[in-house]
Amino acid sequence: MRQIVYRGVEYGEGLRVVKAQKYERAERRHFTNGASAKAVFGAGVYLVSNPEIAAQYAICHAETNGEKAVVLSQQLHLQGLVCLDERYGENELRIDALRAAFSEEELEQRQNGMGYEEWLQWTGDKVRAYLIACGYRGIRYRISPELTYYICYEPDVQIEEIAILSVLDVSPFKS
């Protein structure tokens, strides 16, 4: 089973991705406007079901490099994705992943020795390792009826038919 999903990037990267038919990098990134893509589920390609949300990410990416933004559409193979929703979400998954590998004492020691961003990165990496060990290739996380996030840990085999959906010129909005 496949589904059309979206990702927002800056223009130059979008052109390279479409030409190569694969992504250059995972999601963890900081933007000049203060926003960041935290990759709370570990390294992977993060996609969304809503092209308007992808456009918001694209604008953040474009502002970083001072160029146009691109929303890319692609086909995503849904097999092998763990499904999260309002009943079992990010926090429950993180707890299960950490408890599978560490005692409460170990977790408390690690958390006390890390800043917030470092803790998020570390726990995201542990969630990713846990899911891969359980045989999953990524995550399908339904946030609302209008928005589902998809995280691909094997993007080169999960994503195909990458194409430009829209190009956004953010230069008129610069001060």
N, C-alpha and C. Protein backbone atom coordinates (compact mmCIF):
# COMPACT_ATOMS: atom_id res chain seq x y z
N MET A 1 0.84 -1.17 0.00
CA MET A 1 0.00 0.00 0.00
C MET A 1 0.89 1.25 0.00
N ARG A 2 0.50 2.24 -0.80
CA ARG A 2 1.26 3.49 -0.91
C ARG A 2 0.34 4.68 -0.69
N GLN A 3 0.97 5.80 -0.33
CA GLN A 3 0.22 7.03 -0.13
C GLN A 3 1.06 8.21 -0.58
N ILE A 4 0.40 9.25 -1.09
CA ILE A 4 1.10 10.48 -1.44
C ILE A 4 1.30 11.29 -0.17
N VAL A 5 2.55 11.71 0.06
CA VAL A 5 2.91 12.52 1.23
C VAL A 5 3.82 13.66 0.77
N TYR A 6 4.13 14.59 1.68
CA TYR A 6 4.80 15.82 1.29
C TYR A 6 5.97 16.14 2.21
N ARG A 7 6.92 16.90 1.67
CA ARG A 7 8.04 17.41 2.46
C ARG A 7 8.43 18.77 1.90
N GLY A 8 8.75 19.70 2.79
CA GLY A 8 9.17 21.03 2.39
C GLY A 8 10.66 21.21 2.58
N VAL A 9 11.32 21.73 1.54
CA VAL A 9 12.77 21.97 1.58
C VAL A 9 13.06 23.26 0.81
N GLU A 10 14.33 23.70 0.87
CA GLU A 10 14.69 24.86 0.06
C GLU A 10 14.84 24.43 -1.41
N TYR A 11 14.77 25.41 -2.30
CA TYR A 11 14.69 25.18 -3.74
C TYR A 11 15.84 24.33 -4.28
N GLY A 12 17.08 24.72 -3.95
CA GLY A 12 18.23 23.98 -4.48
C GLY A 12 18.22 22.52 -4.08
N GLU A 13 17.93 22.28 -2.81
CA GLU A 13 17.86 20.90 -2.34
C GLU A 13 16.73 20.16 -3.06
N GLY A 14 15.59 20.82 -3.23
CA GLY A 14 14.47 20.18 -3.91
C GLY A 14 14.81 19.73 -5.31
N LEU A 15 15.52 20.58 -6.06
CA LEU A 15 15.93 20.20 -7.41
C LEU A 15 16.85 18.98 -7.39
N ARG A 16 17.80 18.97 -6.45
CA ARG A 16 18.74 17.84 -6.36
C ARG A 16 18.01 16.56 -5.96
N VAL A 17 17.06 16.66 -5.04
CA VAL A 17 16.31 15.49 -4.58
C VAL A 17 15.49 14.91 -5.72
N VAL A 18 14.81 15.76 -6.46
CA VAL A 18 13.99 15.26 -7.58
C VAL A 18 14.88 14.58 -8.62
N LYS A 19 16.01 15.19 -8.93
CA LYS A 19 16.93 14.60 -9.91
C LYS A 19 17.47 13.25 -9.44
N ALA A 20 17.90 13.17 -8.18
CA ALA A 20 18.47 11.94 -7.64
C ALA A 20 17.41 10.92 -7.21
N GLN A 21 16.18 11.39 -7.02
CA GLN A 21 15.08 10.58 -6.50
C GLN A 21 15.41 9.97 -5.14
N LYS A 22 16.12 10.76 -4.32
CA LYS A 22 16.36 10.38 -2.94
C LYS A 22 16.77 11.62 -2.15
N TYR A 23 16.55 11.55 -0.84
CA TYR A 23 16.85 12.69 0.03
C TYR A 23 18.31 12.71 0.44
N GLU A 24 18.83 13.94 0.61
CA GLU A 24 20.22 14.15 0.95
C GLU A 24 20.48 14.04 2.45
N ARG A 25 19.48 14.35 3.26
CA ARG A 25 19.71 14.43 4.70
C ARG A 25 18.44 14.09 5.46
N ALA A 26 18.66 13.79 6.74
CA ALA A 26 17.55 13.53 7.64
C ALA A 26 17.03 14.86 8.18
N GLU A 27 16.16 14.80 9.16
CA GLU A 27 15.41 15.99 9.55
C GLU A 27 16.07 16.93 10.54
N ARG A 28 16.92 16.47 11.42
CA ARG A 28 17.43 17.32 12.50
C ARG A 28 18.11 18.57 11.94
N ARG A 29 17.57 19.75 12.31
CA ARG A 29 18.08 21.00 11.75
C ARG A 29 17.57 22.19 12.53
N HIS A 30 18.37 23.27 12.59
CA HIS A 30 17.97 24.52 13.23
C HIS A 30 17.84 25.59 12.16
N PHE A 31 16.81 26.43 12.27
CA PHE A 31 16.55 27.46 11.28
C PHE A 31 16.89 28.84 11.83
N THR A 32 17.11 29.80 10.93
CA THR A 32 17.49 31.15 11.35
C THR A 32 16.36 31.87 12.07
N ASN A 33 15.13 31.46 11.87
CA ASN A 33 14.00 32.13 12.53
C ASN A 33 13.73 31.58 13.93
N GLY A 34 14.61 30.71 14.41
CA GLY A 34 14.46 30.17 15.76
C GLY A 34 13.75 28.83 15.81
N ALA A 35 13.07 28.45 14.76
CA ALA A 35 12.40 27.16 14.72
C ALA A 35 13.44 26.06 14.54
N SER A 36 13.05 24.84 14.88
CA SER A 36 13.95 23.72 14.63
C SER A 36 13.14 22.48 14.34
N ALA A 37 13.74 21.62 13.54
CA ALA A 37 13.18 20.30 13.28
C ALA A 37 13.93 19.36 14.20
N LYS A 38 13.26 18.87 15.22
CA LYS A 38 13.94 18.20 16.31
C LYS A 38 14.17 16.71 16.09
N ALA A 39 13.52 16.09 15.17
CA ALA A 39 13.71 14.66 14.91
C ALA A 39 13.53 13.85 16.19
N VAL A 40 12.38 14.02 16.83
CA VAL A 40 12.14 13.37 18.12
C VAL A 40 12.02 11.85 18.01
N PHE A 41 11.97 11.33 16.82
CA PHE A 41 11.93 9.89 16.61
C PHE A 41 13.23 9.37 16.02
N GLY A 42 14.29 10.14 16.11
CA GLY A 42 15.57 9.72 15.59
C GLY A 42 15.77 10.13 14.14
N ALA A 43 16.96 9.84 13.65
CA ALA A 43 17.32 10.21 12.28
C ALA A 43 16.43 9.48 11.29
N GLY A 44 15.97 10.21 10.30
CA GLY A 44 15.13 9.66 9.26
C GLY A 44 14.57 10.79 8.43
N VAL A 45 13.82 10.45 7.42
CA VAL A 45 13.16 11.45 6.59
C VAL A 45 11.74 11.62 7.13
N TYR A 46 11.41 12.86 7.49
CA TYR A 46 10.12 13.19 8.07
C TYR A 46 9.24 13.80 6.99
N LEU A 47 8.04 13.24 6.84
CA LEU A 47 7.09 13.67 5.82
C LEU A 47 5.75 13.96 6.49
N VAL A 48 4.88 14.66 5.80
CA VAL A 48 3.55 14.97 6.33
C VAL A 48 2.48 14.69 5.28
N SER A 49 1.26 14.51 5.77
CA SER A 49 0.13 14.23 4.89
C SER A 49 -0.47 15.50 4.30
N ASN A 50 -0.14 16.65 4.85
CA ASN A 50 -0.78 17.92 4.49
C ASN A 50 0.22 18.82 3.75
N PRO A 51 -0.06 19.18 2.50
CA PRO A 51 0.89 20.02 1.75
C PRO A 51 1.05 21.43 2.33
N GLU A 52 0.05 21.94 3.03
CA GLU A 52 0.18 23.27 3.65
C GLU A 52 1.19 23.24 4.80
N ILE A 53 1.20 22.17 5.57
CA ILE A 53 2.19 22.02 6.65
C ILE A 53 3.57 21.86 6.02
N ALA A 54 3.66 21.11 4.94
CA ALA A 54 4.95 20.96 4.25
C ALA A 54 5.45 22.31 3.75
N ALA A 55 4.53 23.16 3.30
CA ALA A 55 4.92 24.50 2.84
C ALA A 55 5.51 25.32 3.98
N GLN A 56 4.97 25.18 5.18
CA GLN A 56 5.53 25.90 6.33
C GLN A 56 6.96 25.45 6.61
N TYR A 57 7.21 24.15 6.54
CA TYR A 57 8.57 23.64 6.71
C TYR A 57 9.47 24.15 5.58
N ALA A 58 8.94 24.16 4.37
CA ALA A 58 9.73 24.63 3.22
C ALA A 58 10.18 26.07 3.41
N ILE A 59 9.29 26.90 3.92
CA ILE A 59 9.63 28.32 4.15
C ILE A 59 10.73 28.43 5.21
N CYS A 60 10.66 27.64 6.26
CA CYS A 60 11.74 27.64 7.27
C CYS A 60 13.07 27.25 6.64
N HIS A 61 13.06 26.21 5.82
CA HIS A 61 14.29 25.79 5.13
C HIS A 61 14.80 26.89 4.21
N ALA A 62 13.92 27.51 3.47
CA ALA A 62 14.32 28.55 2.51
C ALA A 62 14.89 29.77 3.20
N GLU A 63 14.29 30.15 4.33
CA GLU A 63 14.80 31.32 5.06
C GLU A 63 16.22 31.09 5.55
N THR A 64 16.58 29.85 5.82
CA THR A 64 17.92 29.52 6.27
C THR A 64 18.95 29.85 5.19
N ASN A 65 18.60 29.59 3.94
CA ASN A 65 19.55 29.79 2.84
C ASN A 65 19.22 31.01 1.98
N GLY A 66 18.15 31.71 2.28
CA GLY A 66 17.79 32.89 1.50
C GLY A 66 17.39 32.57 0.08
N GLU A 67 16.71 31.46 -0.12
CA GLU A 67 16.27 31.13 -1.47
C GLU A 67 14.79 30.74 -1.48
N LYS A 68 14.32 30.28 -2.60
CA LYS A 68 12.92 29.85 -2.72
C LYS A 68 12.69 28.57 -1.93
N ALA A 69 11.43 28.27 -1.70
CA ALA A 69 11.02 27.06 -1.00
C ALA A 69 10.31 26.13 -1.98
N VAL A 70 10.36 24.84 -1.69
CA VAL A 70 9.74 23.84 -2.55
C VAL A 70 8.97 22.85 -1.69
N VAL A 71 7.77 22.53 -2.13
CA VAL A 71 7.02 21.42 -1.53
C VAL A 71 7.13 20.26 -2.50
N LEU A 72 7.64 19.15 -1.98
CA LEU A 72 7.80 17.94 -2.78
C LEU A 72 6.70 16.95 -2.43
N SER A 73 6.18 16.30 -3.44
CA SER A 73 5.24 15.20 -3.22
C SER A 73 5.97 13.91 -3.57
N GLN A 74 5.55 12.83 -2.95
CA GLN A 74 6.16 11.54 -3.23
C GLN A 74 5.22 10.43 -2.81
N GLN A 75 5.50 9.26 -3.33
CA GLN A 75 4.77 8.05 -2.95
C GLN A 75 5.54 7.40 -1.81
N LEU A 76 4.81 7.05 -0.74
CA LEU A 76 5.42 6.40 0.41
C LEU A 76 4.82 5.01 0.57
N HIS A 77 5.69 4.01 0.66
CA HIS A 77 5.25 2.64 0.97
C HIS A 77 4.95 2.57 2.46
N LEU A 78 3.74 2.19 2.81
CA LEU A 78 3.29 2.22 4.20
C LEU A 78 3.60 0.94 4.98
N GLN A 79 4.03 -0.12 4.30
CA GLN A 79 4.32 -1.36 4.99
C GLN A 79 5.47 -1.16 5.99
N GLY A 80 5.30 -1.77 7.16
CA GLY A 80 6.37 -1.76 8.15
C GLY A 80 6.42 -0.53 9.04
N LEU A 81 5.39 0.32 8.99
CA LEU A 81 5.36 1.50 9.85
C LEU A 81 4.55 1.20 11.11
N VAL A 82 5.09 1.53 12.27
CA VAL A 82 4.32 1.44 13.50
C VAL A 82 3.33 2.60 13.50
N CYS A 83 2.12 2.35 13.96
CA CYS A 83 1.08 3.39 13.94
C CYS A 83 0.89 3.99 15.33
N LEU A 84 1.04 5.31 15.40
CA LEU A 84 0.80 6.06 16.63
C LEU A 84 -0.43 6.93 16.44
N ASP A 85 -1.11 7.24 17.54
CA ASP A 85 -2.28 8.11 17.49
C ASP A 85 -2.49 8.71 18.87
N GLU A 86 -3.69 9.22 19.14
CA GLU A 86 -3.95 9.87 20.42
C GLU A 86 -3.98 8.88 21.59
N ARG A 87 -4.19 7.62 21.34
CA ARG A 87 -4.20 6.61 22.41
C ARG A 87 -2.79 6.14 22.77
N TYR A 88 -1.96 5.96 21.78
CA TYR A 88 -0.57 5.54 21.96
C TYR A 88 0.28 6.43 21.06
N GLY A 89 0.91 7.42 21.69
CA GLY A 89 1.63 8.43 20.92
C GLY A 89 3.10 8.50 21.25
N GLU A 90 3.65 9.66 21.01
CA GLU A 90 5.08 9.91 21.16
C GLU A 90 5.59 9.59 22.56
N ASN A 91 4.91 10.05 23.58
CA ASN A 91 5.37 9.83 24.96
C ASN A 91 5.35 8.36 25.34
N GLU A 92 4.28 7.66 24.99
CA GLU A 92 4.18 6.24 25.31
C GLU A 92 5.25 5.43 24.59
N LEU A 93 5.49 5.75 23.32
CA LEU A 93 6.53 5.06 22.57
C LEU A 93 7.91 5.31 23.19
N ARG A 94 8.18 6.56 23.54
CA ARG A 94 9.47 6.90 24.13
C ARG A 94 9.68 6.12 25.44
N ILE A 95 8.65 6.08 26.28
CA ILE A 95 8.74 5.35 27.55
C ILE A 95 9.02 3.87 27.30
N ASP A 96 8.28 3.26 26.38
CA ASP A 96 8.50 1.84 26.07
C ASP A 96 9.91 1.59 25.56
N ALA A 97 10.39 2.45 24.67
CA ALA A 97 11.74 2.27 24.11
C ALA A 97 12.81 2.40 25.18
N LEU A 98 12.68 3.38 26.03
CA LEU A 98 13.69 3.60 27.07
C LEU A 98 13.65 2.51 28.14
N ARG A 99 12.46 2.09 28.52
CA ARG A 99 12.33 1.03 29.54
C ARG A 99 12.83 -0.31 29.02
N ALA A 100 12.79 -0.51 27.72
CA ALA A 100 13.30 -1.77 27.15
C ALA A 100 14.82 -1.86 27.25
N ALA A 101 15.49 -0.72 27.37
CA ALA A 101 16.95 -0.73 27.35
C ALA A 101 17.62 -0.26 28.63
N PHE A 102 16.88 0.44 29.50
CA PHE A 102 17.50 1.06 30.67
C PHE A 102 16.63 0.92 31.90
N SER A 103 17.30 0.90 33.04
CA SER A 103 16.57 0.94 34.32
C SER A 103 16.15 2.38 34.61
N GLU A 104 15.23 2.54 35.55
CA GLU A 104 14.80 3.89 35.94
C GLU A 104 15.99 4.71 36.44
N GLU A 105 16.87 4.07 37.19
CA GLU A 105 18.04 4.78 37.73
C GLU A 105 18.97 5.26 36.61
N GLU A 106 19.21 4.38 35.64
CA GLU A 106 20.06 4.77 34.51
C GLU A 106 19.46 5.95 33.75
N LEU A 107 18.17 5.90 33.54
CA LEU A 107 17.50 6.98 32.81
C LEU A 107 17.57 8.29 33.58
N GLU A 108 17.37 8.22 34.88
CA GLU A 108 17.43 9.44 35.69
C GLU A 108 18.84 10.04 35.65
N GLN A 109 19.86 9.20 35.75
CA GLN A 109 21.25 9.69 35.68
C GLN A 109 21.53 10.35 34.33
N ARG A 110 21.11 9.70 33.25
CA ARG A 110 21.36 10.25 31.92
C ARG A 110 20.62 11.58 31.73
N GLN A 111 19.37 11.61 32.14
CA GLN A 111 18.58 12.82 31.96
C GLN A 111 19.17 13.98 32.76
N ASN A 112 19.63 13.71 33.96
CA ASN A 112 20.22 14.77 34.78
C ASN A 112 21.53 15.29 34.19
N GLY A 113 22.20 14.48 33.40
CA GLY A 113 23.47 14.89 32.81
C GLY A 113 23.34 15.53 31.44
N MET A 114 22.12 15.73 30.96
CA MET A 114 21.92 16.27 29.60
C MET A 114 21.02 17.50 29.63
N GLY A 115 21.27 18.39 28.68
CA GLY A 115 20.35 19.49 28.44
C GLY A 115 19.15 18.98 27.66
N TYR A 116 18.13 19.84 27.53
CA TYR A 116 16.87 19.44 26.88
C TYR A 116 17.09 18.96 25.44
N GLU A 117 17.81 19.74 24.63
CA GLU A 117 18.04 19.38 23.22
C GLU A 117 18.82 18.07 23.12
N GLU A 118 19.84 17.94 23.96
CA GLU A 118 20.64 16.71 23.95
C GLU A 118 19.80 15.51 24.35
N TRP A 119 18.92 15.68 25.36
CA TRP A 119 18.02 14.61 25.79
C TRP A 119 17.07 14.20 24.66
N LEU A 120 16.50 15.19 23.97
CA LEU A 120 15.60 14.88 22.84
C LEU A 120 16.32 14.10 21.76
N GLN A 121 17.52 14.51 21.42
CA GLN A 121 18.28 13.81 20.39
C GLN A 121 18.61 12.38 20.83
N TRP A 122 19.07 12.24 22.06
CA TRP A 122 19.45 10.92 22.58
C TRP A 122 18.24 9.99 22.62
N THR A 123 17.11 10.48 23.18
CA THR A 123 15.92 9.63 23.26
C THR A 123 15.37 9.31 21.87
N GLY A 124 15.45 10.27 20.95
CA GLY A 124 15.01 10.00 19.58
C GLY A 124 15.82 8.88 18.95
N ASP A 125 17.12 8.90 19.18
CA ASP A 125 17.98 7.83 18.65
C ASP A 125 17.62 6.48 19.27
N LYS A 126 17.26 6.49 20.56
CA LYS A 126 16.88 5.24 21.24
C LYS A 126 15.54 4.73 20.72
N VAL A 127 14.61 5.64 20.44
CA VAL A 127 13.31 5.24 19.87
C VAL A 127 13.54 4.60 18.50
N ARG A 128 14.35 5.23 17.69
CA ARG A 128 14.66 4.69 16.36
C ARG A 128 15.26 3.29 16.46
N ALA A 129 16.26 3.11 17.32
CA ALA A 129 16.91 1.81 17.49
C ALA A 129 15.91 0.76 17.98
N TYR A 130 15.05 1.15 18.91
CA TYR A 130 14.03 0.25 19.45
C TYR A 130 13.09 -0.23 18.35
N LEU A 131 12.58 0.71 17.55
CA LEU A 131 11.64 0.33 16.50
C LEU A 131 12.29 -0.55 15.44
N ILE A 132 13.51 -0.23 15.06
CA ILE A 132 14.21 -1.07 14.08
C ILE A 132 14.42 -2.47 14.64
N ALA A 133 14.80 -2.57 15.92
CA ALA A 133 14.97 -3.88 16.56
C ALA A 133 13.66 -4.67 16.61
N CYS A 134 12.54 -3.96 16.67
CA CYS A 134 11.22 -4.60 16.68
C CYS A 134 10.73 -4.92 15.27
N GLY A 135 11.53 -4.59 14.25
CA GLY A 135 11.17 -4.92 12.87
C GLY A 135 10.43 -3.84 12.11
N TYR A 136 10.35 -2.64 12.65
CA TYR A 136 9.67 -1.54 11.97
C TYR A 136 10.64 -0.75 11.10
N ARG A 137 10.08 -0.11 10.06
CA ARG A 137 10.87 0.71 9.14
C ARG A 137 10.61 2.20 9.32
N GLY A 138 9.74 2.53 10.27
CA GLY A 138 9.41 3.92 10.50
C GLY A 138 8.12 4.05 11.27
N ILE A 139 7.55 5.25 11.19
CA ILE A 139 6.39 5.59 12.00
C ILE A 139 5.32 6.28 11.15
N ARG A 140 4.09 5.98 11.46
CA ARG A 140 2.92 6.70 10.94
C ARG A 140 2.22 7.26 12.17
N TYR A 141 2.26 8.58 12.33
CA TYR A 141 1.76 9.22 13.55
C TYR A 141 0.60 10.15 13.20
N ARG A 142 -0.61 9.69 13.48
CA ARG A 142 -1.82 10.48 13.21
C ARG A 142 -1.99 11.50 14.32
N ILE A 143 -1.80 12.77 13.99
CA ILE A 143 -1.94 13.86 14.94
C ILE A 143 -3.41 14.30 15.02
N SER A 144 -4.06 14.40 13.87
CA SER A 144 -5.45 14.82 13.76
C SER A 144 -5.98 14.29 12.43
N PRO A 145 -7.28 14.43 12.17
CA PRO A 145 -7.78 14.00 10.86
C PRO A 145 -7.11 14.72 9.69
N GLU A 146 -6.60 15.93 9.94
CA GLU A 146 -5.98 16.73 8.88
C GLU A 146 -4.47 16.54 8.78
N LEU A 147 -3.84 15.85 9.75
CA LEU A 147 -2.38 15.78 9.74
C LEU A 147 -1.86 14.46 10.29
N THR A 148 -1.05 13.81 9.47
CA THR A 148 -0.32 12.62 9.88
C THR A 148 1.14 12.84 9.53
N TYR A 149 2.02 12.53 10.47
CA TYR A 149 3.46 12.56 10.23
C TYR A 149 3.93 11.17 9.85
N TYR A 150 4.91 11.10 8.97
CA TYR A 150 5.53 9.84 8.58
C TYR A 150 7.03 9.98 8.75
N ILE A 151 7.63 9.02 9.42
CA ILE A 151 9.08 9.03 9.59
C ILE A 151 9.61 7.77 8.94
N CYS A 152 10.55 7.95 8.02
CA CYS A 152 11.11 6.84 7.26
C CYS A 152 12.55 6.59 7.68
N TYR A 153 12.82 5.39 8.18
CA TYR A 153 14.18 5.03 8.57
C TYR A 153 14.94 4.39 7.41
N GLU A 154 14.23 3.97 6.37
CA GLU A 154 14.83 3.40 5.16
C GLU A 154 14.30 4.16 3.94
N PRO A 155 14.54 5.46 3.88
CA PRO A 155 13.89 6.28 2.84
C PRO A 155 14.20 5.85 1.41
N ASP A 156 15.37 5.31 1.17
CA ASP A 156 15.72 4.94 -0.20
C ASP A 156 14.85 3.82 -0.75
N VAL A 157 14.26 3.00 0.12
CA VAL A 157 13.37 1.94 -0.36
C VAL A 157 11.90 2.23 -0.04
N GLN A 158 11.64 3.22 0.81
CA GLN A 158 10.26 3.53 1.19
C GLN A 158 9.64 4.63 0.34
N ILE A 159 10.47 5.49 -0.23
CA ILE A 159 9.98 6.68 -0.94
C ILE A 159 10.32 6.56 -2.42
N GLU A 160 9.34 6.91 -3.26
CA GLU A 160 9.59 6.93 -4.71
C GLU A 160 8.72 7.99 -5.37
N GLU A 161 9.00 8.24 -6.63
CA GLU A 161 8.25 9.21 -7.44
C GLU A 161 8.24 10.60 -6.80
N ILE A 162 9.41 11.09 -6.41
CA ILE A 162 9.52 12.42 -5.81
C ILE A 162 9.38 13.47 -6.92
N ALA A 163 8.50 14.44 -6.70
CA ALA A 163 8.23 15.48 -7.69
C ALA A 163 7.97 16.81 -7.00
N ILE A 164 8.18 17.89 -7.72
CA ILE A 164 7.88 19.21 -7.18
C ILE A 164 6.38 19.45 -7.28
N LEU A 165 5.77 19.74 -6.14
CA LEU A 165 4.35 20.09 -6.11
C LEU A 165 4.18 21.59 -6.29
N SER A 166 4.99 22.38 -5.57
CA SER A 166 4.90 23.83 -5.69
C SER A 166 6.21 24.49 -5.30
N VAL A 167 6.43 25.68 -5.86
CA VAL A 167 7.59 26.50 -5.55
C VAL A 167 7.07 27.78 -4.91
N LEU A 168 7.66 28.15 -3.77
CA LEU A 168 7.23 29.34 -3.04
C LEU A 168 8.38 30.34 -2.99
N ASP A 169 8.13 31.57 -3.41
CA ASP A 169 9.13 32.61 -3.36
C ASP A 169 8.93 33.37 -2.06
N VAL A 170 9.84 33.24 -1.12
CA VAL A 170 9.70 33.89 0.18
C VAL A 170 10.35 35.26 0.22
N SER A 171 11.01 35.70 -0.85
CA SER A 171 11.73 36.97 -0.83
C SER A 171 10.84 38.17 -0.55
N PRO A 172 9.59 38.25 -0.99
CA PRO A 172 8.76 39.42 -0.67
C PRO A 172 8.49 39.57 0.83
N PHE A 173 8.66 38.48 1.60
CA PHE A 173 8.36 38.51 3.02
C PHE A 173 9.57 38.88 3.87
N LYS A 174 10.73 39.01 3.26
CA LYS A 174 11.94 39.37 3.99
C LYS A 174 11.93 40.84 4.35
N SER A 175 12.56 41.15 5.47
CA SER A 175 12.63 42.57 5.87
C SER A 175 13.99 43.14 5.56
